[in-house]
Amino acid sequence: MRIFLIFLIFLIQTNLVLAVPASKSKKFASSRTTVARSNTKKAPVAKRASVKRTKKRSAGPSIVAGGPWKEPTFADSTLGDVVDGEDLIVRRAAVDALGPYNGSVVVADPQTGRILTIVNQKLALGSGFQPCSTVKIVTAIAGLKEGIIERDTPVRLGRRSTMTLTNALAHSNNPYFARVGTDLGFERVHSYARMLGLGEKAGLNIEGEFPGVLTPEPPKFGGVGMMTSFGEGIQLTALQLASLLSAIANGGTLYHLQYPRTKEEIANFAPRVKRHLDIQDQIPDVKPGMMAAVDHGTARRANYDPNEPILGKTGTCTDRATPTHLGWFGSFNEVGRNKLVVVVLLTGGKPVNGPVAAEVAGSVYRNLSSQQFFAVAAAQ
C-alpha cells in the first residue's frame, strides 16, 4: 500500500511538470492548423522555390518532409545559368521538360562530344552524387567483357530465381548486379569504372567541373555488391554519365565533352577523342536491356515513340552524403544517323525517382521531335 501511494504521488508530480498551460496549448493548436492549411494551398512554383531557398539561408538546416533530405523537390533550376553558346532550341525543350523540378538536364551530341545545353549548370558541373542504379551499365559491361555473364544466359539468384542480363537491366534488379560485382571482385570493377570515365573530369577545360569520386577501396557500407548495384563509394556527375552513354551510343569512342560558349569557339569546334574503348562486342548485349527498360521496365514513363527509340537506365536512391533523394535517367535515342544523349538528374524528397527522371527525358525528345529537330538534322 505504501509503494502504491508513493507511485501515485510520483505520477501526480510528473503530470504537473509536463502540463502545458491552456493558452500555450491553444496557441500550438492554432499554429499547427495554420501550417496544415498553408501546406494544402497550391502556391505557384516560383513562390515555393523562394520559400525553400529562404529556409536554406536560415541558421538551422532545412529538412524536406518525408525523410532526412535537405534539398527541395521543386525549384527554379535555371537560376544563374548562362546560355551563351548553347543550342537554344535544345535548351528550350529541356527547360520545358524539366518544369518545376529541382534538377539538371544535360544534352550532348554523342558523335562529337559537344554539349548542346546544360540546365542548372551549377548542379551539373559543381557536384557529384551517388549514381544509384545507373552504375549497373558499368557492371554489365565489365561482366560481359570478363566472361562473368552472357546476355541470354540466366544467372541464378536464389533457389528458384534466375534472370538474364536484359531483364536485369530492364527492371534494375539489385541482386543480379550485386552477384556480378562480387564475382568480378573490387579490382576489376574499379578498373572498368576508371576506363569508362568515372573519377575523372568528362569535359575539356570546362570551368567549375567536378571530377567526381571513385573509391580506391571496397566501400565499407555493403562492399563491392553495393558498389555495383547502387554505386556506393562513387560520386558521379551528369557530365560523366553523358560521356559514358555517348561512348555506348557511338560504338565505343570516349570523347572529351566540350562546351563552346562563344561564336568563335563554335566556329572552331572540333571533336577531341579521350580514348577508344574496346567494348564494341559488349555494346550490342547491353542495348537490348536499356531498350527494354524504356519499353516495359523502370523507364517506361519516358513514353517513347516506337519510330524514334530511346534506350536508357534509371537510378533511384538516397545520397547519404548530401543527404538528398535522387532520380537519375541516362539515355540516348536512335533516329537514323542522328542521336542525342539526354541525362536527367533530379534532387529532392520522396517524389523524386528514376521513373520521374525518365518522364522528363522522354519529354525532351518529344519536344524536339514535334519541332522536326531530328528530321531536319538527319537531312542535313
Protein backbone atom coordinates (compact mmCIF):
# COMPACT_ATOMS: atom_id res chain seq x y z
CA MET A 1 0.00 0.00 0.00
CA ARG A 2 2.85 2.39 0.83
CA ILE A 3 4.55 1.67 -2.51
CA PHE A 4 1.29 2.36 -4.33
CA LEU A 5 0.88 5.76 -2.60
CA ILE A 6 4.47 6.74 -3.46
CA PHE A 7 3.91 5.76 -7.12
CA LEU A 8 0.63 7.77 -7.18
CA ILE A 9 2.36 10.87 -5.79
CA PHE A 10 5.13 10.47 -8.44
CA LEU A 11 2.56 10.37 -11.25
CA ILE A 12 0.79 13.50 -9.97
CA GLN A 13 4.09 15.42 -9.71
CA THR A 14 5.17 14.30 -13.21
CA ASN A 15 1.87 15.43 -14.75
CA LEU A 16 2.20 18.80 -13.07
CA VAL A 17 5.69 19.28 -14.51
CA LEU A 18 4.69 18.21 -18.01
CA ALA A 19 1.36 20.01 -18.08
CA VAL A 20 1.07 22.69 -20.77
CA PRO A 21 -0.79 25.88 -19.89
CA ALA A 22 -4.09 26.22 -21.69
CA SER A 23 -3.02 29.38 -23.52
CA LYS A 24 0.13 27.73 -24.91
CA SER A 25 -1.81 24.63 -25.88
CA LYS A 26 -4.34 26.70 -27.85
CA LYS A 27 -1.51 28.66 -29.45
CA PHE A 28 0.22 25.45 -30.55
CA ALA A 29 -3.01 24.00 -31.93
CA SER A 30 -3.72 27.22 -33.81
CA SER A 31 -0.20 27.27 -35.24
CA ARG A 32 -0.46 23.66 -36.35
CA THR A 33 -3.81 24.32 -38.02
CA THR A 34 -2.34 27.32 -39.85
CA VAL A 35 0.60 25.27 -41.12
CA ALA A 36 -1.72 22.48 -42.25
CA ARG A 37 -3.89 24.95 -44.17
CA SER A 38 -0.88 26.63 -45.76
CA ASN A 39 0.52 23.26 -46.86
CA THR A 40 -2.70 22.36 -48.68
CA LYS A 41 -2.67 25.60 -50.63
CA LYS A 42 -1.06 25.16 -54.05
CA ALA A 43 1.31 28.08 -54.41
CA PRO A 44 2.97 28.92 -57.71
CA VAL A 45 6.20 27.05 -58.37
CA ALA A 46 8.40 30.13 -58.15
CA LYS A 47 6.90 31.02 -54.78
CA ARG A 48 7.52 27.52 -53.38
CA ALA A 49 11.11 27.64 -54.58
CA SER A 50 11.60 31.03 -52.92
CA VAL A 51 10.35 29.69 -49.60
CA LYS A 52 12.76 26.75 -49.78
CA ARG A 53 15.71 28.99 -50.54
CA THR A 54 14.81 31.22 -47.59
CA LYS A 55 14.84 28.19 -45.31
CA LYS A 56 18.25 27.11 -46.55
CA ARG A 57 19.67 30.53 -45.69
CA SER A 58 18.38 30.34 -42.12
CA ALA A 59 20.52 29.23 -39.19
CA GLY A 60 19.02 25.74 -38.89
CA PRO A 61 19.12 23.04 -41.60
CA SER A 62 16.10 22.77 -43.89
CA ILE A 63 14.63 19.27 -43.73
CA VAL A 64 12.35 18.16 -46.54
CA ALA A 65 9.21 16.42 -45.33
CA GLY A 66 9.25 12.63 -45.69
CA GLY A 67 12.90 12.00 -44.93
CA PRO A 68 16.26 13.38 -43.85
CA TRP A 69 16.69 15.18 -47.18
CA LYS A 70 17.81 18.81 -47.33
CA GLU A 71 17.08 19.57 -50.98
CA PRO A 72 13.68 20.86 -52.12
CA THR A 73 11.87 18.81 -54.75
CA PHE A 74 10.77 21.91 -56.65
CA ALA A 75 12.81 24.97 -57.58
CA ASP A 76 13.70 27.25 -60.47
CA SER A 77 16.54 25.18 -61.93
CA THR A 78 17.50 27.83 -64.49
CA LEU A 79 18.67 30.41 -61.94
CA GLY A 80 22.24 31.51 -62.59
CA ASP A 81 22.57 29.71 -65.92
CA VAL A 82 24.50 31.40 -68.75
CA VAL A 83 23.12 30.33 -72.13
CA ASP A 84 25.86 31.77 -74.36
CA GLY A 85 26.85 29.25 -77.00
CA GLU A 86 24.03 26.82 -76.28
CA ASP A 87 21.62 25.41 -78.85
CA LEU A 88 18.57 27.42 -77.82
CA ILE A 89 16.11 25.02 -79.44
CA VAL A 90 17.52 22.15 -77.41
CA ARG A 91 17.65 24.28 -74.27
CA ARG A 92 14.01 25.31 -74.55
CA ALA A 93 12.98 21.66 -74.99
CA ALA A 94 14.99 20.70 -71.88
CA VAL A 95 13.73 23.58 -69.72
CA ASP A 96 10.10 22.88 -70.65
CA ALA A 97 10.55 19.17 -69.93
CA LEU A 98 12.16 19.74 -66.52
CA GLY A 99 9.38 22.11 -65.49
CA PRO A 100 9.26 22.85 -61.75
CA TYR A 101 11.61 20.07 -60.66
CA ASN A 102 14.85 20.78 -58.84
CA GLY A 103 17.43 19.14 -61.04
CA SER A 104 19.61 19.26 -64.13
CA VAL A 105 19.33 18.23 -67.77
CA VAL A 106 22.44 17.70 -69.91
CA VAL A 107 22.10 17.17 -73.67
CA ALA A 108 25.11 16.22 -75.78
CA ASP A 109 25.94 15.07 -79.29
CA PRO A 110 27.49 11.60 -78.88
CA GLN A 111 29.11 11.75 -82.32
CA THR A 112 31.27 14.77 -81.43
CA GLY A 113 31.20 15.25 -77.66
CA ARG A 114 29.69 18.72 -77.95
CA ILE A 115 27.40 19.75 -75.11
CA LEU A 116 24.31 21.41 -76.55
CA THR A 117 22.76 22.57 -73.28
CA ILE A 118 23.10 22.27 -69.54
CA VAL A 119 20.08 23.24 -67.47
CA ASN A 120 21.18 24.04 -63.91
CA GLN A 121 24.86 24.41 -64.66
CA LYS A 122 25.81 24.74 -61.01
CA LEU A 123 24.35 21.34 -60.17
CA ALA A 124 25.73 19.57 -63.25
CA LEU A 125 29.25 20.97 -63.04
CA GLY A 126 29.94 21.62 -59.40
CA SER A 127 28.90 18.49 -57.55
CA GLY A 128 28.65 14.74 -57.82
CA PHE A 129 26.11 12.32 -56.41
CA GLN A 130 25.77 8.59 -55.89
CA PRO A 131 24.94 7.12 -59.30
CA CYS A 132 22.32 4.77 -57.86
CA SER A 133 21.34 2.09 -60.39
CA THR A 134 22.87 3.84 -63.40
CA VAL A 135 26.13 2.18 -62.26
CA LYS A 136 24.62 -1.11 -63.46
CA ILE A 137 25.69 -0.14 -67.00
CA VAL A 138 29.32 -0.22 -65.87
CA THR A 139 28.78 -3.54 -64.11
CA ALA A 140 27.12 -5.04 -67.18
CA ILE A 141 29.97 -4.05 -69.50
CA ALA A 142 32.59 -5.35 -67.06
CA GLY A 143 30.73 -8.63 -66.51
CA LEU A 144 30.32 -9.22 -70.24
CA LYS A 145 33.91 -8.30 -71.04
CA GLU A 146 35.29 -10.62 -68.36
CA GLY A 147 33.02 -13.51 -69.30
CA ILE A 148 31.20 -13.47 -65.95
CA ILE A 149 27.83 -13.18 -67.73
CA GLU A 150 26.31 -13.56 -71.18
CA ARG A 151 23.30 -11.65 -72.44
CA ASP A 152 20.88 -14.59 -72.70
CA THR A 153 22.32 -16.90 -70.04
CA PRO A 154 20.26 -16.79 -66.82
CA VAL A 155 22.10 -16.06 -63.59
CA ARG A 156 20.84 -17.92 -60.53
CA LEU A 157 19.85 -15.52 -57.76
CA GLY A 158 18.21 -17.96 -55.38
CA ARG A 159 16.88 -21.49 -55.13
CA ARG A 160 14.08 -20.79 -57.61
CA SER A 161 15.06 -17.48 -59.16
CA THR A 162 17.10 -16.77 -62.29
CA MET A 163 17.39 -13.71 -64.53
CA THR A 164 19.05 -12.71 -67.79
CA LEU A 165 21.03 -9.54 -68.31
CA THR A 166 18.33 -7.97 -70.47
CA ASN A 167 15.65 -8.41 -67.82
CA ALA A 168 18.03 -7.37 -65.04
CA LEU A 169 18.74 -4.07 -66.80
CA ALA A 170 15.09 -3.54 -67.72
CA HIS A 171 13.88 -3.98 -64.15
CA SER A 172 17.07 -2.80 -62.40
CA ASN A 173 17.50 -5.98 -60.39
CA ASN A 174 19.85 -5.35 -57.46
CA PRO A 175 20.72 -8.96 -56.52
CA TYR A 176 21.76 -9.68 -60.12
CA PHE A 177 24.29 -6.86 -60.29
CA ALA A 178 25.50 -7.40 -56.73
CA ARG A 179 26.21 -11.01 -57.71
CA VAL A 180 28.07 -9.94 -60.86
CA GLY A 181 30.10 -7.40 -58.90
CA THR A 182 31.03 -9.94 -56.25
CA ASP A 183 32.16 -12.39 -58.92
CA LEU A 184 34.22 -9.68 -60.62
CA GLY A 185 35.90 -8.52 -57.44
CA PHE A 186 36.80 -4.97 -56.48
CA GLU A 187 39.97 -4.62 -58.56
CA ARG A 188 38.26 -5.43 -61.84
CA VAL A 189 35.21 -3.32 -61.00
CA HIS A 190 37.45 -0.35 -60.17
CA SER A 191 39.48 -0.82 -63.36
CA TYR A 192 36.44 -0.81 -65.64
CA ALA A 193 34.85 2.13 -63.84
CA ARG A 194 38.06 4.12 -64.35
CA MET A 195 38.28 3.07 -68.00
CA LEU A 196 34.70 4.24 -68.60
CA GLY A 197 35.43 7.70 -67.20
CA LEU A 198 34.40 7.58 -63.56
CA GLY A 199 36.57 9.52 -61.14
CA GLU A 200 37.89 11.94 -63.79
CA LYS A 201 36.60 15.07 -65.50
CA ALA A 202 34.45 14.32 -68.52
CA GLY A 203 34.84 17.80 -70.02
CA LEU A 204 37.71 19.60 -71.62
CA ASN A 205 38.54 22.89 -69.91
CA ILE A 206 35.01 23.37 -68.59
CA GLU A 207 35.22 25.85 -65.75
CA GLY A 208 33.97 24.61 -62.40
CA GLU A 209 33.64 20.95 -63.40
CA PHE A 210 33.92 18.44 -60.55
CA PRO A 211 35.82 15.20 -61.33
CA GLY A 212 33.60 13.01 -59.22
CA VAL A 213 34.85 10.33 -56.82
CA LEU A 214 35.79 6.69 -57.38
CA THR A 215 36.59 4.93 -54.12
CA PRO A 216 40.12 3.42 -54.01
CA GLU A 217 38.94 0.52 -51.83
CA PRO A 218 35.79 -1.57 -51.32
CA PRO A 219 33.04 0.52 -49.69
CA LYS A 220 32.54 -0.12 -46.00
CA PHE A 221 28.77 0.03 -46.46
CA GLY A 222 27.78 -3.08 -48.42
CA GLY A 223 31.12 -3.80 -50.07
CA VAL A 224 31.56 -4.35 -53.78
CA GLY A 225 27.99 -5.67 -54.15
CA MET A 226 26.54 -2.31 -53.14
CA MET A 227 29.11 -0.58 -55.32
CA THR A 228 27.98 -2.45 -58.45
CA SER A 229 24.25 -2.30 -57.81
CA PHE A 230 23.78 1.12 -56.14
CA GLY A 231 27.05 2.95 -56.79
CA GLU A 232 28.17 3.03 -53.17
CA GLY A 233 31.57 4.73 -52.90
CA ILE A 234 31.12 6.66 -56.15
CA GLN A 235 30.17 10.26 -56.81
CA LEU A 236 29.00 10.69 -60.39
CA THR A 237 28.27 13.89 -62.28
CA ALA A 238 25.69 14.36 -65.02
CA LEU A 239 28.55 15.09 -67.42
CA GLN A 240 30.28 11.80 -66.62
CA LEU A 241 27.10 9.84 -67.27
CA ALA A 242 26.61 11.76 -70.54
CA SER A 243 30.17 10.88 -71.54
CA LEU A 244 29.70 7.18 -70.78
CA LEU A 245 26.41 6.98 -72.67
CA SER A 246 27.92 8.84 -75.62
CA ALA A 247 30.55 6.09 -75.91
CA ILE A 248 27.85 3.42 -75.92
CA ALA A 249 25.75 5.36 -78.45
CA ASN A 250 28.62 5.94 -80.88
CA GLY A 251 30.15 2.48 -80.69
CA GLY A 252 33.00 2.90 -78.22
CA THR A 253 34.66 6.32 -78.56
CA LEU A 254 35.01 8.29 -75.33
CA TYR A 255 35.16 11.97 -76.31
CA HIS A 256 36.23 14.90 -74.21
CA LEU A 257 32.95 16.74 -73.70
CA GLN A 258 33.27 20.31 -74.94
CA TYR A 259 31.04 23.23 -74.09
CA PRO A 260 31.68 26.05 -76.60
CA ARG A 261 30.43 29.38 -75.22
CA THR A 262 31.28 31.94 -77.91
CA LYS A 263 30.75 32.24 -81.68
CA GLU A 264 34.46 31.82 -82.18
CA GLU A 265 34.58 28.63 -80.09
CA ILE A 266 31.61 27.22 -82.01
CA ALA A 267 33.19 28.09 -85.36
CA ASN A 268 36.47 26.42 -84.34
CA PHE A 269 34.88 23.41 -82.63
CA ALA A 270 36.46 20.06 -83.44
CA PRO A 271 35.86 16.71 -81.68
CA ARG A 272 38.59 15.63 -79.26
CA VAL A 273 38.95 11.91 -78.55
CA LYS A 274 39.92 10.99 -75.00
CA ARG A 275 40.34 7.27 -75.74
CA HIS A 276 38.85 4.44 -77.74
CA LEU A 277 37.15 1.79 -75.62
CA ASP A 278 37.38 -1.87 -76.52
CA ILE A 279 33.70 -2.53 -75.84
CA GLN A 280 32.33 -2.93 -79.38
CA ASP A 281 31.37 -6.55 -78.70
CA GLN A 282 29.63 -5.72 -75.42
CA ILE A 283 27.51 -2.79 -76.62
CA PRO A 284 25.05 -4.99 -78.62
CA ASP A 285 24.49 -7.08 -75.48
CA VAL A 286 23.80 -4.06 -73.24
CA LYS A 287 21.50 -2.13 -75.57
CA PRO A 288 18.54 -4.60 -75.51
CA GLY A 289 18.25 -4.22 -71.73
CA MET A 290 18.36 -0.43 -72.00
CA MET A 291 15.68 -0.52 -74.68
CA ALA A 292 13.57 -2.92 -72.60
CA ALA A 293 13.81 -0.54 -69.63
CA VAL A 294 12.04 2.11 -71.69
CA ASP A 295 9.66 -0.32 -73.36
CA HIS A 296 8.29 -2.11 -70.28
CA GLY A 297 10.74 -1.63 -67.39
CA THR A 298 11.66 1.06 -64.89
CA ALA A 299 11.89 3.80 -67.57
CA ARG A 300 8.54 3.18 -69.29
CA ARG A 301 7.31 6.62 -68.20
CA ALA A 302 9.56 8.03 -70.92
CA ASN A 303 6.58 7.15 -73.15
CA TYR A 304 8.67 6.98 -76.30
CA ASP A 305 7.60 6.81 -79.93
CA PRO A 306 8.49 3.33 -81.27
CA ASN A 307 9.57 5.01 -84.50
CA GLU A 308 12.12 7.06 -82.52
CA PRO A 309 13.50 4.56 -79.99
CA ILE A 310 15.08 5.63 -76.70
CA LEU A 311 17.50 3.50 -74.72
CA GLY A 312 18.30 4.27 -71.11
CA LYS A 313 18.85 3.35 -67.48
CA THR A 314 17.14 4.73 -64.41
CA GLY A 315 18.55 5.22 -60.93
CA THR A 316 16.80 5.85 -57.61
CA CYS A 317 18.41 6.07 -54.16
CA THR A 318 19.25 8.35 -51.27
CA ASP A 319 22.62 10.06 -51.38
CA ARG A 320 23.54 9.84 -47.70
CA ALA A 321 26.41 12.32 -48.01
CA THR A 322 24.14 15.22 -49.01
CA PRO A 323 21.60 13.93 -47.96
CA THR A 324 19.09 14.08 -50.78
CA HIS A 325 16.85 11.67 -52.62
CA LEU A 326 17.91 11.18 -56.24
CA GLY A 327 16.29 10.37 -59.54
CA TRP A 328 18.63 9.60 -62.45
CA PHE A 329 17.98 8.74 -66.06
CA GLY A 330 20.73 8.45 -68.64
CA SER A 331 19.63 7.89 -72.22
CA PHE A 332 20.25 8.21 -75.94
CA ASN A 333 17.99 7.95 -78.95
CA GLU A 334 18.40 6.23 -82.28
CA VAL A 335 16.87 8.09 -85.20
CA GLY A 336 18.70 7.35 -88.43
CA ARG A 337 22.21 8.75 -88.21
CA ASN A 338 21.21 11.42 -85.73
CA LYS A 339 21.45 10.78 -81.99
CA LEU A 340 21.34 12.78 -78.80
CA VAL A 341 22.35 11.87 -75.28
CA VAL A 342 19.98 13.18 -72.60
CA VAL A 343 20.86 12.87 -68.91
CA VAL A 344 18.41 13.92 -66.21
CA LEU A 345 19.34 14.27 -62.54
CA LEU A 346 16.62 15.16 -60.04
CA THR A 347 17.26 16.01 -56.38
CA GLY A 348 14.77 16.49 -53.57
CA GLY A 349 12.38 14.47 -51.47
CA LYS A 350 10.37 11.32 -51.95
CA PRO A 351 8.57 12.40 -55.17
CA VAL A 352 11.97 12.22 -56.91
CA ASN A 353 12.97 8.92 -58.54
CA GLY A 354 14.32 7.35 -61.70
CA PRO A 355 10.95 6.85 -63.41
CA VAL A 356 10.16 10.56 -62.98
CA ALA A 357 13.57 11.43 -64.45
CA ALA A 358 12.77 9.13 -67.39
CA GLU A 359 9.50 11.00 -67.90
CA VAL A 360 11.41 14.29 -68.05
CA ALA A 361 13.88 12.89 -70.60
CA GLY A 362 11.05 11.50 -72.70
CA SER A 363 9.55 14.97 -72.81
CA VAL A 364 12.86 16.40 -74.07
CA TYR A 365 12.86 14.00 -77.01
CA ARG A 366 9.17 14.60 -77.78
CA ASN A 367 9.57 18.38 -77.58
CA LEU A 368 12.37 18.23 -80.14
CA SER A 369 10.59 15.72 -82.33
CA SER A 370 7.49 17.93 -82.50
CA GLN A 371 9.71 20.64 -83.99
CA GLN A 372 11.11 18.23 -86.60
CA PHE A 373 14.51 18.56 -84.93
CA PHE A 374 15.62 15.03 -85.73
CA ALA A 375 14.19 15.03 -89.25
CA VAL A 376 15.91 18.32 -90.14
CA ALA A 377 19.21 17.28 -88.58
CA ALA A 378 19.13 13.90 -90.34
CA ALA A 379 18.50 15.56 -93.71
CA GLN A 380 21.45 17.93 -93.43
